[in-house]
Amino acid sequence: MKLILNLLVNGFAVFVAAYLLPGVHIDGYLTAIIVSIGLGIINIFIKPIFILFTLPINIVTLGLFTFIINGLMVLLVSSFIPGFAVDSFVWAMAFSFVLWAVNFVLNSLTK
């Protein structure tokens, strides 16, 4: 049950983030849920590899390079999910930040 609730909250967060940012386009709520699933899969399998390879840069920038990696993950998801488009890398980073903020608020409300 908690997995389904997290999926719905993440889908809503993707939908809200896409609504707030004019450079991010999403077709509907079902696409938002698919995007949240895609981001979850990418964050489990691909993101740790990117973080491992960029560990020296991440250490030098005190972890701020992770924002760039998050933007790249959003661009990767937008490239293979139809109905989800991000105009540029800057919008992908902004989407990642807004998605984090909305998820933080929504998850604190559901606990």
N, C-alpha and C. Protein backbone atom coordinates (compact mmCIF):
# COMPACT_ATOMS: atom_id res chain seq x y z
N MET A 1 0.82 -1.19 0.00
CA MET A 1 0.00 0.00 0.00
C MET A 1 0.86 1.25 0.00
N LYS A 2 1.97 1.20 0.78
CA LYS A 2 2.86 2.35 0.85
C LYS A 2 3.53 2.62 -0.50
N LEU A 3 3.84 1.57 -1.24
CA LEU A 3 4.44 1.74 -2.57
C LEU A 3 3.48 2.47 -3.51
N ILE A 4 2.22 2.11 -3.48
CA ILE A 4 1.22 2.75 -4.34
C ILE A 4 1.04 4.20 -3.93
N LEU A 5 1.01 4.47 -2.63
CA LEU A 5 0.89 5.84 -2.15
C LEU A 5 2.09 6.68 -2.58
N ASN A 6 3.29 6.12 -2.46
CA ASN A 6 4.49 6.84 -2.90
C ASN A 6 4.46 7.09 -4.41
N LEU A 7 3.99 6.13 -5.17
CA LEU A 7 3.89 6.30 -6.61
C LEU A 7 2.91 7.41 -6.97
N LEU A 8 1.77 7.46 -6.30
CA LEU A 8 0.79 8.52 -6.56
C LEU A 8 1.31 9.88 -6.13
N VAL A 9 2.01 9.94 -5.01
CA VAL A 9 2.58 11.21 -4.53
C VAL A 9 3.66 11.69 -5.49
N ASN A 10 4.52 10.78 -5.94
CA ASN A 10 5.56 11.15 -6.89
C ASN A 10 4.97 11.58 -8.23
N GLY A 11 3.95 10.90 -8.68
CA GLY A 11 3.28 11.29 -9.92
C GLY A 11 2.66 12.66 -9.80
N PHE A 12 2.05 12.95 -8.67
CA PHE A 12 1.47 14.27 -8.45
C PHE A 12 2.58 15.33 -8.39
N ALA A 13 3.70 14.99 -7.77
CA ALA A 13 4.82 15.94 -7.70
C ALA A 13 5.38 16.24 -9.09
N VAL A 14 5.47 15.23 -9.94
CA VAL A 14 5.92 15.45 -11.32
C VAL A 14 4.93 16.33 -12.05
N PHE A 15 3.65 16.08 -11.84
CA PHE A 15 2.61 16.88 -12.50
C PHE A 15 2.66 18.34 -12.04
N VAL A 16 2.83 18.57 -10.75
CA VAL A 16 2.91 19.94 -10.21
C VAL A 16 4.17 20.65 -10.71
N ALA A 17 5.30 19.94 -10.71
CA ALA A 17 6.54 20.54 -11.17
C ALA A 17 6.45 20.91 -12.65
N ALA A 18 5.83 20.06 -13.45
CA ALA A 18 5.66 20.37 -14.87
C ALA A 18 4.70 21.53 -15.06
N TYR A 19 3.72 21.66 -14.19
CA TYR A 19 2.77 22.77 -14.28
C TYR A 19 3.44 24.10 -13.92
N LEU A 20 4.33 24.08 -12.95
CA LEU A 20 4.98 25.30 -12.49
C LEU A 20 6.06 25.81 -13.45
N LEU A 21 6.68 24.92 -14.20
CA LEU A 21 7.79 25.30 -15.07
C LEU A 21 7.34 25.33 -16.53
N PRO A 22 7.48 26.48 -17.20
CA PRO A 22 7.02 26.57 -18.59
C PRO A 22 7.91 25.81 -19.59
N GLY A 23 9.10 25.41 -19.19
CA GLY A 23 9.99 24.68 -20.10
C GLY A 23 9.83 23.18 -20.02
N VAL A 24 8.89 22.71 -19.20
CA VAL A 24 8.64 21.28 -19.05
C VAL A 24 7.21 21.01 -19.47
N HIS A 25 7.03 20.04 -20.37
CA HIS A 25 5.71 19.75 -20.92
C HIS A 25 5.35 18.30 -20.64
N ILE A 26 4.13 18.10 -20.17
CA ILE A 26 3.65 16.76 -19.85
C ILE A 26 2.21 16.64 -20.33
N ASP A 27 1.85 15.48 -20.87
CA ASP A 27 0.52 15.30 -21.45
C ASP A 27 -0.59 15.15 -20.42
N GLY A 28 -0.36 14.38 -19.38
CA GLY A 28 -1.41 14.16 -18.40
C GLY A 28 -0.89 13.47 -17.17
N TYR A 29 -1.82 13.13 -16.27
CA TYR A 29 -1.42 12.54 -15.00
C TYR A 29 -0.85 11.13 -15.18
N LEU A 30 -1.38 10.36 -16.12
CA LEU A 30 -0.83 9.03 -16.38
C LEU A 30 0.61 9.12 -16.86
N THR A 31 0.90 10.09 -17.70
CA THR A 31 2.28 10.31 -18.14
C THR A 31 3.15 10.71 -16.96
N ALA A 32 2.61 11.49 -16.03
CA ALA A 32 3.37 11.88 -14.84
C ALA A 32 3.73 10.67 -13.99
N ILE A 33 2.81 9.72 -13.88
CA ILE A 33 3.10 8.51 -13.11
C ILE A 33 4.17 7.68 -13.83
N ILE A 34 4.08 7.60 -15.15
CA ILE A 34 5.09 6.87 -15.92
C ILE A 34 6.45 7.55 -15.79
N VAL A 35 6.47 8.88 -15.80
CA VAL A 35 7.72 9.62 -15.61
C VAL A 35 8.30 9.35 -14.23
N SER A 36 7.45 9.31 -13.21
CA SER A 36 7.96 9.04 -11.87
C SER A 36 8.52 7.62 -11.76
N ILE A 37 7.90 6.67 -12.45
CA ILE A 37 8.44 5.31 -12.48
C ILE A 37 9.78 5.29 -13.22
N GLY A 38 9.83 6.00 -14.35
CA GLY A 38 11.08 6.07 -15.12
C GLY A 38 12.20 6.72 -14.32
N LEU A 39 11.89 7.80 -13.62
CA LEU A 39 12.90 8.45 -12.78
C LEU A 39 13.35 7.54 -11.65
N GLY A 40 12.42 6.79 -11.09
CA GLY A 40 12.78 5.86 -10.03
C GLY A 40 13.71 4.76 -10.52
N ILE A 41 13.43 4.21 -11.69
CA ILE A 41 14.27 3.16 -12.25
C ILE A 41 15.65 3.70 -12.59
N ILE A 42 15.69 4.88 -13.19
CA ILE A 42 16.98 5.49 -13.55
C ILE A 42 17.78 5.83 -12.30
N ASN A 43 17.09 6.32 -11.26
CA ASN A 43 17.80 6.66 -10.01
C ASN A 43 18.32 5.43 -9.28
N ILE A 44 17.70 4.29 -9.52
CA ILE A 44 18.18 3.06 -8.87
C ILE A 44 19.37 2.46 -9.62
N PHE A 45 19.32 2.44 -10.95
CA PHE A 45 20.32 1.70 -11.71
C PHE A 45 21.42 2.56 -12.34
N ILE A 46 21.08 3.71 -12.89
CA ILE A 46 22.06 4.49 -13.66
C ILE A 46 22.71 5.59 -12.84
N LYS A 47 21.94 6.27 -12.00
CA LYS A 47 22.48 7.39 -11.23
C LYS A 47 23.66 7.00 -10.33
N PRO A 48 23.64 5.86 -9.64
CA PRO A 48 24.80 5.50 -8.82
C PRO A 48 26.09 5.34 -9.64
N ILE A 49 25.95 4.86 -10.87
CA ILE A 49 27.13 4.72 -11.73
C ILE A 49 27.69 6.09 -12.09
N PHE A 50 26.80 7.04 -12.42
CA PHE A 50 27.24 8.41 -12.72
C PHE A 50 27.90 9.04 -11.50
N ILE A 51 27.33 8.84 -10.33
CA ILE A 51 27.90 9.43 -9.12
C ILE A 51 29.26 8.81 -8.81
N LEU A 52 29.42 7.53 -9.05
CA LEU A 52 30.70 6.87 -8.81
C LEU A 52 31.78 7.41 -9.76
N PHE A 53 31.43 7.57 -11.04
CA PHE A 53 32.41 8.07 -12.00
C PHE A 53 32.75 9.54 -11.79
N THR A 54 31.83 10.31 -11.24
CA THR A 54 32.08 11.73 -11.04
C THR A 54 32.40 12.06 -9.58
N LEU A 55 32.80 11.07 -8.83
CA LEU A 55 33.08 11.26 -7.41
C LEU A 55 34.14 12.33 -7.15
N PRO A 56 35.25 12.39 -7.90
CA PRO A 56 36.23 13.47 -7.63
C PRO A 56 35.63 14.87 -7.83
N ILE A 57 34.84 15.06 -8.89
CA ILE A 57 34.21 16.36 -9.13
C ILE A 57 33.19 16.66 -8.03
N ASN A 58 32.49 15.62 -7.61
CA ASN A 58 31.50 15.79 -6.55
C ASN A 58 32.15 16.18 -5.23
N ILE A 59 33.30 15.62 -4.95
CA ILE A 59 34.01 15.96 -3.72
C ILE A 59 34.52 17.39 -3.78
N VAL A 60 35.07 17.79 -4.92
CA VAL A 60 35.60 19.15 -5.06
C VAL A 60 34.48 20.19 -4.95
N THR A 61 33.32 19.89 -5.51
CA THR A 61 32.21 20.85 -5.48
C THR A 61 31.32 20.66 -4.26
N LEU A 62 31.76 19.83 -3.32
CA LEU A 62 31.02 19.56 -2.08
C LEU A 62 29.60 19.04 -2.35
N GLY A 63 29.46 18.22 -3.36
CA GLY A 63 28.19 17.58 -3.67
C GLY A 63 27.27 18.35 -4.59
N LEU A 64 27.65 19.55 -4.98
CA LEU A 64 26.79 20.35 -5.85
C LEU A 64 26.71 19.79 -7.28
N PHE A 65 27.69 18.99 -7.68
CA PHE A 65 27.65 18.38 -9.00
C PHE A 65 26.50 17.39 -9.12
N THR A 66 25.96 16.96 -8.00
CA THR A 66 24.81 16.05 -8.02
C THR A 66 23.60 16.69 -8.68
N PHE A 67 23.47 18.03 -8.57
CA PHE A 67 22.37 18.72 -9.25
C PHE A 67 22.49 18.56 -10.76
N ILE A 68 23.71 18.60 -11.27
CA ILE A 68 23.91 18.41 -12.71
C ILE A 68 23.57 16.98 -13.11
N ILE A 69 23.95 16.03 -12.28
CA ILE A 69 23.61 14.63 -12.56
C ILE A 69 22.09 14.44 -12.55
N ASN A 70 21.40 15.08 -11.61
CA ASN A 70 19.93 14.99 -11.57
C ASN A 70 19.32 15.57 -12.84
N GLY A 71 19.85 16.70 -13.32
CA GLY A 71 19.36 17.27 -14.58
C GLY A 71 19.58 16.33 -15.75
N LEU A 72 20.72 15.66 -15.77
CA LEU A 72 20.99 14.70 -16.84
C LEU A 72 20.03 13.51 -16.78
N MET A 73 19.67 13.09 -15.57
CA MET A 73 18.72 11.98 -15.42
C MET A 73 17.33 12.38 -15.92
N VAL A 74 16.94 13.63 -15.67
CA VAL A 74 15.65 14.11 -16.16
C VAL A 74 15.66 14.17 -17.69
N LEU A 75 16.76 14.65 -18.27
CA LEU A 75 16.86 14.68 -19.74
C LEU A 75 16.83 13.27 -20.33
N LEU A 76 17.46 12.33 -19.65
CA LEU A 76 17.45 10.94 -20.11
C LEU A 76 16.03 10.38 -20.10
N VAL A 77 15.29 10.64 -19.04
CA VAL A 77 13.91 10.16 -18.97
C VAL A 77 13.05 10.83 -20.04
N SER A 78 13.27 12.12 -20.28
CA SER A 78 12.46 12.82 -21.29
C SER A 78 12.76 12.33 -22.69
N SER A 79 13.91 11.71 -22.88
CA SER A 79 14.24 11.24 -24.23
C SER A 79 13.53 9.94 -24.59
N PHE A 80 13.09 9.15 -23.60
CA PHE A 80 12.45 7.88 -23.97
C PHE A 80 11.01 7.75 -23.50
N ILE A 81 10.44 8.75 -22.85
CA ILE A 81 9.03 8.68 -22.47
C ILE A 81 8.24 9.66 -23.33
N PRO A 82 7.35 9.14 -24.19
CA PRO A 82 6.55 10.06 -25.01
C PRO A 82 5.54 10.81 -24.14
N GLY A 83 5.31 12.06 -24.49
CA GLY A 83 4.40 12.88 -23.72
C GLY A 83 5.07 13.69 -22.64
N PHE A 84 6.38 13.51 -22.50
CA PHE A 84 7.16 14.27 -21.51
C PHE A 84 8.33 14.90 -22.23
N ALA A 85 8.38 16.22 -22.21
CA ALA A 85 9.45 16.93 -22.93
C ALA A 85 10.02 18.03 -22.04
N VAL A 86 11.33 18.16 -22.10
CA VAL A 86 12.03 19.21 -21.38
C VAL A 86 12.79 20.01 -22.43
N ASP A 87 12.62 21.35 -22.39
CA ASP A 87 13.18 22.20 -23.44
C ASP A 87 14.70 22.28 -23.42
N SER A 88 15.31 22.33 -22.25
CA SER A 88 16.77 22.48 -22.19
C SER A 88 17.30 21.89 -20.88
N PHE A 89 18.62 21.88 -20.78
CA PHE A 89 19.26 21.35 -19.59
C PHE A 89 18.95 22.19 -18.35
N VAL A 90 18.84 23.50 -18.54
CA VAL A 90 18.50 24.39 -17.42
C VAL A 90 17.11 24.06 -16.88
N TRP A 91 16.16 23.83 -17.79
CA TRP A 91 14.82 23.46 -17.35
C TRP A 91 14.83 22.10 -16.67
N ALA A 92 15.70 21.19 -17.11
CA ALA A 92 15.80 19.87 -16.47
C ALA A 92 16.32 20.01 -15.05
N MET A 93 17.29 20.87 -14.84
CA MET A 93 17.80 21.09 -13.48
C MET A 93 16.75 21.77 -12.61
N ALA A 94 16.03 22.74 -13.19
CA ALA A 94 14.96 23.41 -12.44
C ALA A 94 13.85 22.41 -12.09
N PHE A 95 13.51 21.53 -13.03
CA PHE A 95 12.50 20.50 -12.79
C PHE A 95 12.95 19.58 -11.66
N SER A 96 14.20 19.21 -11.68
CA SER A 96 14.73 18.34 -10.64
C SER A 96 14.63 19.00 -9.27
N PHE A 97 14.95 20.29 -9.19
CA PHE A 97 14.88 21.00 -7.92
C PHE A 97 13.44 21.16 -7.43
N VAL A 98 12.54 21.56 -8.34
CA VAL A 98 11.13 21.73 -7.97
C VAL A 98 10.52 20.38 -7.58
N LEU A 99 10.89 19.34 -8.31
CA LEU A 99 10.40 17.99 -7.99
C LEU A 99 10.85 17.58 -6.59
N TRP A 100 12.09 17.88 -6.25
CA TRP A 100 12.58 17.57 -4.91
C TRP A 100 11.77 18.33 -3.85
N ALA A 101 11.55 19.62 -4.09
CA ALA A 101 10.84 20.45 -3.11
C ALA A 101 9.39 19.98 -2.93
N VAL A 102 8.70 19.71 -4.03
CA VAL A 102 7.31 19.26 -3.95
C VAL A 102 7.23 17.89 -3.27
N ASN A 103 8.16 16.99 -3.62
CA ASN A 103 8.19 15.68 -2.98
C ASN A 103 8.45 15.80 -1.48
N PHE A 104 9.33 16.70 -1.10
CA PHE A 104 9.63 16.92 0.32
C PHE A 104 8.38 17.34 1.07
N VAL A 105 7.66 18.29 0.51
CA VAL A 105 6.44 18.78 1.17
C VAL A 105 5.37 17.71 1.22
N LEU A 106 5.13 17.05 0.09
CA LEU A 106 4.07 16.03 0.04
C LEU A 106 4.39 14.82 0.92
N ASN A 107 5.64 14.39 0.93
CA ASN A 107 5.99 13.25 1.78
C ASN A 107 5.91 13.60 3.26
N SER A 108 6.20 14.84 3.61
CA SER A 108 6.06 15.22 5.02
C SER A 108 4.58 15.29 5.41
N LEU A 109 3.70 15.57 4.46
CA LEU A 109 2.27 15.59 4.76
C LEU A 109 1.68 14.19 4.88
N THR A 110 2.25 13.22 4.17
CA THR A 110 1.69 11.87 4.19
C THR A 110 2.20 11.03 5.35
N LYS A 111 3.16 11.52 6.09
CA LYS A 111 3.69 10.72 7.23
C LYS A 111 2.98 11.02 8.50
